Protein backbone atom coordinates (compact mmCIF):
# COMPACT_ATOMS: atom_id res chain seq x y z
CA UNK A 1 -17.01 -25.46 -14.58
CA UNK A 2 -20.12 -26.88 -13.00
CA UNK A 3 -23.23 -24.98 -12.07
CA UNK A 4 -22.88 -25.93 -8.40
CA UNK A 5 -19.38 -24.48 -8.16
CA UNK A 6 -20.41 -21.25 -9.89
CA UNK A 7 -23.45 -20.80 -7.64
CA UNK A 8 -21.37 -21.54 -4.53
CA UNK A 9 -18.79 -18.95 -5.58
CA UNK A 10 -21.40 -16.22 -5.94
CA UNK A 11 -22.95 -17.17 -2.58
CA UNK A 12 -19.57 -17.00 -0.83
CA UNK A 13 -18.88 -13.64 -2.42
CA UNK A 14 -22.16 -12.31 -1.03
CA UNK A 15 -21.28 -13.82 2.38
CA UNK A 16 -17.95 -11.98 2.36
CA UNK A 17 -19.56 -8.65 1.44
CA UNK A 18 -22.08 -9.06 4.26
CA UNK A 19 -19.33 -10.03 6.71
CA UNK A 20 -17.24 -7.00 5.68
CA UNK A 21 -20.26 -4.75 6.11
CA UNK A 22 -21.04 -6.12 9.58
CA UNK A 23 -17.55 -6.77 11.01
CA UNK A 24 -15.26 -4.78 8.73
CA UNK A 25 -14.54 -1.16 8.08
CA UNK A 26 -15.67 1.25 5.39
CA UNK A 27 -12.77 2.77 3.47
CA UNK A 28 -12.40 5.06 0.48
CA UNK A 29 -10.78 3.23 -2.41
CA UNK A 30 -9.12 5.00 -5.37
CA UNK A 31 -7.69 3.10 -8.30
CA UNK A 32 -4.82 4.37 -10.39
CA UNK A 33 -5.67 6.08 -13.68
CA UNK A 34 -2.32 7.66 -14.55
CA UNK A 35 1.06 7.40 -12.85
CA UNK A 36 4.57 8.76 -13.09
CA UNK A 37 7.68 6.71 -12.43
CA UNK A 38 10.81 8.39 -11.05
CA UNK A 39 14.34 7.53 -12.10
CA UNK A 40 14.56 5.35 -8.98
CA UNK A 41 11.53 3.22 -9.88
CA UNK A 42 9.12 4.86 -7.46
CA UNK A 43 5.54 5.00 -8.73
CA UNK A 44 3.96 8.39 -8.10
CA UNK A 45 0.21 8.51 -8.76
CA UNK A 46 -0.64 11.49 -10.94
CA UNK A 47 -4.34 10.85 -11.31
CA UNK A 48 -6.53 8.69 -9.10
CA UNK A 49 -10.19 7.87 -9.56
CA UNK A 50 -12.95 9.40 -7.50
CA UNK A 51 -13.18 7.80 -4.04
CA UNK A 52 -15.39 4.73 -3.84
CA UNK A 53 -16.72 3.61 -0.45
CA UNK A 54 -15.99 -0.11 0.05
CA UNK A 55 -16.36 -2.36 3.09
CA UNK A 56 -13.12 -4.26 3.79
CA UNK A 57 -11.58 -6.32 6.57
CA UNK A 58 -8.37 -4.67 7.74
CA UNK A 59 -5.87 -6.64 9.83
CA UNK A 60 -3.00 -4.72 11.41
CA UNK A 61 -1.48 -7.69 13.24
CA UNK A 62 -2.09 -10.91 11.32
CA UNK A 63 -0.98 -14.11 12.99
CA UNK A 64 2.04 -16.03 11.73
CA UNK A 65 -0.30 -18.90 10.81
CA UNK A 66 -2.35 -16.58 8.60
CA UNK A 67 0.76 -15.20 6.92
CA UNK A 68 2.13 -18.70 6.26
CA UNK A 69 -1.19 -19.75 4.76
CA UNK A 70 -1.02 -16.74 2.43
CA UNK A 71 2.60 -17.44 1.52
CA UNK A 72 4.06 -14.33 3.18
CA UNK A 73 6.89 -15.57 5.33
CA UNK A 74 8.94 -13.37 7.60
CA UNK A 75 11.96 -14.29 9.69
CA UNK A 76 11.24 -11.60 12.26
CA UNK A 77 7.88 -12.28 13.99
CA UNK A 78 7.53 -8.55 14.73
CA UNK A 79 7.79 -7.67 11.03
CA UNK A 80 4.22 -8.32 9.99
CA UNK A 81 2.63 -6.62 6.99
CA UNK A 82 -0.75 -4.94 7.12
CA UNK A 83 -3.26 -7.00 5.19
CA UNK A 84 -6.63 -5.99 3.85
CA UNK A 85 -9.27 -8.29 2.44
CA UNK A 86 -11.22 -6.61 -0.32
CA UNK A 87 -14.33 -7.85 -2.13
CA UNK A 88 -13.93 -9.74 -5.37
CA UNK A 89 -15.88 -7.15 -7.33
CA UNK A 90 -13.65 -4.22 -6.35
CA UNK A 91 -13.37 -2.11 -9.53
CA UNK A 92 -9.92 -1.97 -11.20
CA UNK A 93 -8.03 -3.48 -8.26
CA UNK A 94 -4.34 -3.05 -9.08
CA UNK A 95 -1.04 -2.66 -7.30
CA UNK A 96 -0.41 1.01 -6.33
CA UNK A 97 -4.12 1.74 -5.83
CA UNK A 98 -4.79 3.72 -2.65
CA UNK A 99 -7.12 3.16 0.27
CA UNK A 100 -7.98 5.81 2.88
CA UNK A 101 -9.23 4.97 6.35
CA UNK A 102 -11.19 7.82 7.85
CA UNK A 103 -10.50 8.74 11.49
CA UNK A 104 -13.12 7.79 14.06
CA UNK A 105 -13.52 11.31 15.42
CA UNK A 106 -13.55 12.92 11.93
CA UNK A 107 -11.10 15.56 13.16
CA UNK A 108 -7.73 14.21 12.04
CA UNK A 109 -6.47 13.38 8.60
CA UNK A 110 -7.37 10.05 6.99
CA UNK A 111 -4.69 7.37 7.00
CA UNK A 112 -3.68 6.44 3.46
CA UNK A 113 -2.42 3.03 2.40
CA UNK A 114 -1.05 1.87 -0.94
CA UNK A 115 -1.66 -1.68 -2.17
CA UNK A 116 1.70 -3.39 -2.74
CA UNK A 117 0.65 -6.97 -3.48
CA UNK A 118 -2.56 -8.81 -4.32
CA UNK A 119 -3.19 -12.51 -3.70
CA UNK A 120 -5.97 -15.03 -3.56
CA UNK A 121 -6.12 -18.66 -2.50
CA UNK A 122 -9.05 -20.21 -4.30
CA UNK A 123 -9.97 -20.94 -7.88
CA UNK A 124 -13.18 -18.96 -7.34
CA UNK A 125 -12.17 -16.43 -4.67
CA UNK A 126 -14.65 -14.64 -2.48
CA UNK A 127 -12.17 -11.84 -1.76
CA UNK A 128 -8.68 -10.60 -2.57
CA UNK A 129 -6.05 -10.41 0.15
CA UNK A 130 -3.90 -7.32 -0.34
CA UNK A 131 -0.69 -6.35 1.37
CA UNK A 132 -0.82 -2.63 2.06
CA UNK A 133 1.78 -0.11 3.17
CA UNK A 134 1.18 3.29 4.74
CA UNK A 135 1.72 6.27 2.45
CA UNK A 136 3.84 9.00 4.07
CA UNK A 137 2.44 12.51 4.13
CA UNK A 138 5.43 14.08 2.38
CA UNK A 139 6.27 11.69 -0.41
CA UNK A 140 8.01 14.22 -2.63
CA UNK A 141 10.54 12.25 -4.68
CA UNK A 142 13.94 13.77 -5.21
CA UNK A 143 14.93 13.38 -8.85
CA UNK A 144 17.92 15.71 -8.87
CA UNK A 145 20.94 14.95 -6.72
CA UNK A 146 24.08 17.07 -6.54
CA UNK A 147 27.03 14.71 -6.63
CA UNK A 148 30.66 15.49 -6.05
CA UNK A 149 33.42 12.95 -6.51
CA UNK A 150 31.15 9.88 -6.28
CA UNK A 151 29.48 11.06 -3.09
CA UNK A 152 26.10 12.69 -2.64
CA UNK A 153 26.91 16.23 -1.66
CA UNK A 154 25.04 18.26 0.89
CA UNK A 155 24.56 21.84 -0.43
CA UNK A 156 25.79 23.24 2.93
CA UNK A 157 29.18 21.55 2.60
CA UNK A 158 32.16 22.65 0.49
CA UNK A 159 34.80 20.15 -0.50
CA UNK A 160 38.53 20.88 -0.11
CA UNK A 161 41.30 19.47 -2.26
CA UNK A 162 40.99 16.07 -0.60
CA UNK A 163 37.67 14.35 -1.43
CA UNK A 164 37.45 12.77 2.02
CA UNK A 165 37.68 16.06 3.96
CA UNK A 166 35.20 18.86 3.80
CA UNK A 167 34.48 22.15 5.46
CA UNK A 168 31.05 22.53 6.96
CA UNK A 169 29.78 26.05 6.22
CA UNK A 170 26.70 25.64 8.40
CA UNK A 171 26.93 28.27 11.17
CA UNK A 172 25.59 27.01 14.49
């Protein structure tokens, strides 16, 4: 690759970092060190790195034109993913890494997002475009299910002789 292309790539990467610092948002980024996978294929992070402050550009409502350019098509125009543009030199950027956005008033809890997909458009990218999803507060996976006659059984219900009928023992 030519010297001009390499120099241009590093210049554009510096331009993006300056733009993210001026127009973007500072987030705390944690990459995945060790994870646990449930029997249902859910990835549960066991150990994350120490938080690293990174300037990113976060877009809650990207336009349809932007999504088409990135290759993320959606039939429903209201079903738009959150996208986040992160610098090219983000350390250990992987799927399932987490990003925390601190509240403005510093009173509430930070909003956590998990990276679900990473893309780039150029041969020498200045940033990565990541699709992120909010992480729920109570993400306790349920690995043990009590099943009875091919149906998931609620512990408050007792089955009679017929599998389709049950007696609800919950007193209201």
